Amino acid sequence: MGICTSCCEDPSGDLGSSNNHSRFQTRQPVNEPDPETKRRLQAEAAEKRQKETESRGVHDPERVKRLQQRKDELERARDVAPQASEGGLRWTTG
């Protein structure tokens, strides 16, 4: 049984030349950015993904931020309020 080698042939039909595989060996070097540029690009992409994730399904992102700030302020006020009123009424049993 024979092996089909037609896919490995040179279009000129010359199988014996050493030039046959040269077109596969002449790769051009890939221009990769230096590590600092690569890190910066990755950080920018991560920030973009994070912003997209935060705003997914939100029609007004500024409103959401304002509501979150108001909620945080109310929580801080609630945390401060019990400390000021600890000297109030006492519960006694018995």
N, C-alpha and C. Protein backbone atom coordinates (compact mmCIF):
# COMPACT_ATOMS: atom_id res chain seq x y z
N MET A 1 0.84 -1.17 0.00
CA MET A 1 0.00 0.00 0.00
C MET A 1 0.89 1.23 0.00
N GLY A 2 0.51 2.16 -0.80
CA GLY A 2 1.31 3.36 -0.95
C GLY A 2 0.80 4.50 -0.08
N ILE A 3 1.68 5.43 0.16
CA ILE A 3 1.32 6.62 0.94
C ILE A 3 1.17 7.78 -0.03
N CYS A 4 0.15 8.53 0.14
CA CYS A 4 -0.08 9.67 -0.73
C CYS A 4 0.84 10.80 -0.30
N THR A 5 1.75 11.18 -1.17
CA THR A 5 2.69 12.26 -0.86
C THR A 5 2.47 13.47 -1.74
N SER A 6 1.34 13.51 -2.39
CA SER A 6 1.10 14.62 -3.30
C SER A 6 0.99 15.96 -2.57
N CYS A 7 0.59 15.92 -1.30
CA CYS A 7 0.48 17.17 -0.56
C CYS A 7 1.84 17.71 -0.16
N CYS A 8 2.89 16.86 -0.21
CA CYS A 8 4.22 17.28 0.18
C CYS A 8 5.07 17.68 -1.02
N GLU A 9 4.54 17.54 -2.20
CA GLU A 9 5.32 17.81 -3.40
C GLU A 9 5.46 19.30 -3.65
N ASP A 10 6.53 19.63 -4.28
CA ASP A 10 6.78 21.00 -4.73
C ASP A 10 5.92 21.22 -5.97
N PRO A 11 5.31 22.39 -6.11
CA PRO A 11 4.48 22.62 -7.29
C PRO A 11 5.26 22.43 -8.60
N SER A 12 6.57 22.60 -8.56
CA SER A 12 7.35 22.40 -9.78
C SER A 12 7.54 20.91 -10.06
N GLY A 13 7.24 20.04 -9.09
CA GLY A 13 7.34 18.61 -9.28
C GLY A 13 8.69 18.05 -8.88
N ASP A 14 9.58 18.86 -8.36
CA ASP A 14 10.93 18.42 -7.99
C ASP A 14 10.94 18.04 -6.52
N LEU A 15 10.88 16.74 -6.21
CA LEU A 15 10.88 16.27 -4.83
C LEU A 15 12.28 16.17 -4.25
N GLY A 16 13.28 16.07 -5.06
CA GLY A 16 14.61 15.81 -4.56
C GLY A 16 15.39 17.06 -4.20
N SER A 17 14.92 18.22 -4.48
CA SER A 17 15.72 19.42 -4.21
C SER A 17 15.71 19.76 -2.73
N SER A 18 16.80 20.34 -2.27
CA SER A 18 16.87 20.77 -0.88
C SER A 18 16.07 22.04 -0.67
N ASN A 19 15.68 22.66 -1.74
CA ASN A 19 14.89 23.88 -1.70
C ASN A 19 13.42 23.60 -1.41
N ASN A 20 13.05 22.35 -1.33
CA ASN A 20 11.65 21.94 -1.22
C ASN A 20 10.98 22.48 0.04
N HIS A 21 11.66 22.48 1.18
CA HIS A 21 11.04 22.88 2.44
C HIS A 21 11.45 24.28 2.88
N SER A 22 12.14 25.00 2.04
CA SER A 22 12.62 26.31 2.44
C SER A 22 11.47 27.29 2.68
N ARG A 23 10.36 27.11 1.99
CA ARG A 23 9.25 28.04 2.19
C ARG A 23 8.62 27.88 3.58
N PHE A 24 8.83 26.74 4.22
CA PHE A 24 8.30 26.52 5.56
C PHE A 24 9.26 27.00 6.63
N GLN A 25 10.51 27.17 6.29
CA GLN A 25 11.52 27.54 7.27
C GLN A 25 11.79 29.04 7.32
N THR A 26 11.31 29.78 6.38
CA THR A 26 11.59 31.21 6.36
C THR A 26 10.48 31.96 7.07
N ARG A 27 10.51 31.92 8.37
CA ARG A 27 9.54 32.64 9.18
C ARG A 27 10.09 34.03 9.50
N GLN A 28 9.20 34.96 9.51
CA GLN A 28 9.58 36.30 9.91
C GLN A 28 9.43 36.39 11.42
N PRO A 29 10.34 37.08 12.09
CA PRO A 29 10.22 37.21 13.55
C PRO A 29 8.96 38.01 13.90
N VAL A 30 8.32 37.59 14.98
CA VAL A 30 7.11 38.25 15.44
C VAL A 30 7.52 39.47 16.26
N ASN A 31 6.92 40.58 15.97
CA ASN A 31 7.22 41.81 16.71
C ASN A 31 6.37 41.86 17.97
N GLU A 32 6.93 41.40 19.08
CA GLU A 32 6.23 41.46 20.36
C GLU A 32 6.63 42.74 21.06
N PRO A 33 5.69 43.35 21.75
CA PRO A 33 6.03 44.56 22.49
C PRO A 33 6.91 44.22 23.70
N ASP A 34 7.63 45.21 24.18
CA ASP A 34 8.47 44.96 25.35
C ASP A 34 7.57 44.67 26.56
N PRO A 35 8.11 44.06 27.60
CA PRO A 35 7.28 43.64 28.75
C PRO A 35 6.49 44.78 29.40
N GLU A 36 7.07 45.96 29.48
CA GLU A 36 6.37 47.09 30.11
C GLU A 36 5.14 47.50 29.28
N THR A 37 5.29 47.55 27.98
CA THR A 37 4.17 47.89 27.10
C THR A 37 3.10 46.80 27.17
N LYS A 38 3.54 45.57 27.22
CA LYS A 38 2.61 44.45 27.30
C LYS A 38 1.79 44.52 28.60
N ARG A 39 2.47 44.82 29.71
CA ARG A 39 1.77 44.95 31.00
C ARG A 39 0.75 46.09 30.96
N ARG A 40 1.15 47.22 30.36
CA ARG A 40 0.26 48.36 30.28
C ARG A 40 -0.99 48.03 29.45
N LEU A 41 -0.78 47.36 28.32
CA LEU A 41 -1.91 46.98 27.47
C LEU A 41 -2.83 45.99 28.19
N GLN A 42 -2.25 45.06 28.93
CA GLN A 42 -3.06 44.10 29.67
C GLN A 42 -3.85 44.79 30.78
N ALA A 43 -3.23 45.77 31.46
CA ALA A 43 -3.93 46.51 32.51
C ALA A 43 -5.09 47.31 31.92
N GLU A 44 -4.86 47.95 30.77
CA GLU A 44 -5.93 48.70 30.13
C GLU A 44 -7.08 47.78 29.73
N ALA A 45 -6.76 46.63 29.21
CA ALA A 45 -7.80 45.67 28.82
C ALA A 45 -8.58 45.19 30.04
N ALA A 46 -7.88 44.96 31.15
CA ALA A 46 -8.55 44.51 32.37
C ALA A 46 -9.49 45.59 32.90
N GLU A 47 -9.06 46.85 32.88
CA GLU A 47 -9.92 47.94 33.33
C GLU A 47 -11.15 48.06 32.44
N LYS A 48 -10.96 47.90 31.15
CA LYS A 48 -12.09 47.98 30.21
C LYS A 48 -13.08 46.86 30.49
N ARG A 49 -12.57 45.63 30.71
CA ARG A 49 -13.47 44.51 31.02
C ARG A 49 -14.22 44.75 32.32
N GLN A 50 -13.51 45.30 33.32
CA GLN A 50 -14.15 45.55 34.60
C GLN A 50 -15.27 46.59 34.47
N LYS A 51 -15.02 47.66 33.71
CA LYS A 51 -16.06 48.68 33.50
C LYS A 51 -17.26 48.09 32.77
N GLU A 52 -17.00 47.26 31.77
CA GLU A 52 -18.09 46.63 31.04
C GLU A 52 -18.90 45.71 31.94
N THR A 53 -18.21 44.99 32.82
CA THR A 53 -18.90 44.09 33.74
C THR A 53 -19.75 44.87 34.74
N GLU A 54 -19.19 45.98 35.24
CA GLU A 54 -19.93 46.79 36.21
C GLU A 54 -21.17 47.40 35.59
N SER A 55 -21.09 47.81 34.35
CA SER A 55 -22.21 48.51 33.74
C SER A 55 -23.16 47.58 32.99
N ARG A 56 -22.92 46.30 33.01
CA ARG A 56 -23.79 45.36 32.30
C ARG A 56 -25.19 45.38 32.92
N GLY A 57 -26.18 45.68 32.12
CA GLY A 57 -27.56 45.69 32.58
C GLY A 57 -27.96 46.97 33.29
N VAL A 58 -27.08 47.94 33.38
CA VAL A 58 -27.37 49.19 34.07
C VAL A 58 -27.56 50.29 33.02
N HIS A 59 -28.69 50.96 33.10
CA HIS A 59 -28.96 52.01 32.12
C HIS A 59 -28.29 53.32 32.50
N ASP A 60 -28.18 53.60 33.80
CA ASP A 60 -27.58 54.84 34.27
C ASP A 60 -26.52 54.53 35.33
N PRO A 61 -25.27 54.34 34.92
CA PRO A 61 -24.23 53.98 35.89
C PRO A 61 -23.98 55.05 36.95
N GLU A 62 -24.15 56.31 36.59
CA GLU A 62 -23.95 57.39 37.57
C GLU A 62 -24.98 57.30 38.70
N ARG A 63 -26.20 56.96 38.36
CA ARG A 63 -27.24 56.82 39.37
C ARG A 63 -26.89 55.69 40.34
N VAL A 64 -26.39 54.61 39.81
CA VAL A 64 -26.00 53.48 40.64
C VAL A 64 -24.90 53.89 41.61
N LYS A 65 -23.92 54.66 41.11
CA LYS A 65 -22.84 55.13 41.98
C LYS A 65 -23.37 56.04 43.09
N ARG A 66 -24.31 56.94 42.73
CA ARG A 66 -24.89 57.83 43.74
C ARG A 66 -25.65 57.04 44.80
N LEU A 67 -26.42 56.04 44.37
CA LEU A 67 -27.16 55.21 45.33
C LEU A 67 -26.21 54.45 46.25
N GLN A 68 -25.12 53.95 45.69
CA GLN A 68 -24.14 53.22 46.50
C GLN A 68 -23.49 54.14 47.52
N GLN A 69 -23.17 55.37 47.11
CA GLN A 69 -22.57 56.33 48.05
C GLN A 69 -23.55 56.67 49.16
N ARG A 70 -24.81 56.88 48.81
CA ARG A 70 -25.81 57.20 49.83
C ARG A 70 -25.97 56.04 50.80
N LYS A 71 -25.96 54.82 50.28
CA LYS A 71 -26.08 53.64 51.14
C LYS A 71 -24.89 53.55 52.10
N ASP A 72 -23.68 53.81 51.58
CA ASP A 72 -22.48 53.77 52.43
C ASP A 72 -22.55 54.85 53.52
N GLU A 73 -23.02 56.05 53.16
CA GLU A 73 -23.14 57.13 54.15
C GLU A 73 -24.14 56.77 55.24
N LEU A 74 -25.27 56.17 54.85
CA LEU A 74 -26.27 55.76 55.84
C LEU A 74 -25.72 54.68 56.77
N GLU A 75 -24.95 53.75 56.24
CA GLU A 75 -24.36 52.71 57.08
C GLU A 75 -23.37 53.31 58.07
N ARG A 76 -22.55 54.26 57.60
CA ARG A 76 -21.60 54.91 58.50
C ARG A 76 -22.34 55.69 59.58
N ALA A 77 -23.42 56.38 59.23
CA ALA A 77 -24.20 57.14 60.22
C ALA A 77 -24.84 56.19 61.23
N ARG A 78 -25.30 55.03 60.76
CA ARG A 78 -25.92 54.06 61.66
C ARG A 78 -24.88 53.46 62.61
N ASP A 79 -23.65 53.28 62.13
CA ASP A 79 -22.59 52.74 62.99
C ASP A 79 -22.20 53.74 64.07
N VAL A 80 -22.26 55.02 63.77
CA VAL A 80 -21.88 56.06 64.71
C VAL A 80 -23.00 56.30 65.71
N ALA A 81 -24.25 56.22 65.33
CA ALA A 81 -25.39 56.55 66.17
C ALA A 81 -25.49 55.69 67.43
N PRO A 82 -25.35 54.37 67.41
CA PRO A 82 -25.48 53.60 68.65
C PRO A 82 -24.42 53.95 69.69
N GLN A 83 -23.25 54.36 69.29
CA GLN A 83 -22.21 54.70 70.25
C GLN A 83 -22.60 55.95 71.03
N ALA A 84 -23.28 56.89 70.43
CA ALA A 84 -23.67 58.12 71.10
C ALA A 84 -24.84 57.89 72.06
N SER A 85 -25.66 56.88 71.81
CA SER A 85 -26.87 56.68 72.63
C SER A 85 -26.74 55.51 73.60
N GLU A 86 -25.57 55.10 73.97
CA GLU A 86 -25.42 53.97 74.88
C GLU A 86 -25.82 54.31 76.32
N GLY A 87 -25.89 55.55 76.65
CA GLY A 87 -26.24 55.94 78.00
C GLY A 87 -27.74 56.10 78.19
N GLY A 88 -28.55 55.53 77.35
CA GLY A 88 -30.01 55.73 77.40
C GLY A 88 -30.68 54.81 78.40
N LEU A 89 -31.87 54.34 78.09
CA LEU A 89 -32.66 53.51 78.98
C LEU A 89 -32.03 52.14 79.17
N ARG A 90 -32.27 51.58 80.37
CA ARG A 90 -31.75 50.24 80.67
C ARG A 90 -32.93 49.30 80.88
N TRP A 91 -32.70 48.07 80.51
CA TRP A 91 -33.72 47.05 80.63
C TRP A 91 -33.40 46.22 81.87
N THR A 92 -34.35 46.14 82.78
CA THR A 92 -34.12 45.34 83.97
C THR A 92 -35.23 44.32 84.11
N THR A 93 -34.86 43.15 84.60
CA THR A 93 -35.84 42.10 84.82
C THR A 93 -35.81 41.69 86.26
N GLY A 94 -36.93 41.28 86.75
CA GLY A 94 -36.96 40.71 87.95
C GLY A 94 -37.31 40.91 89.23
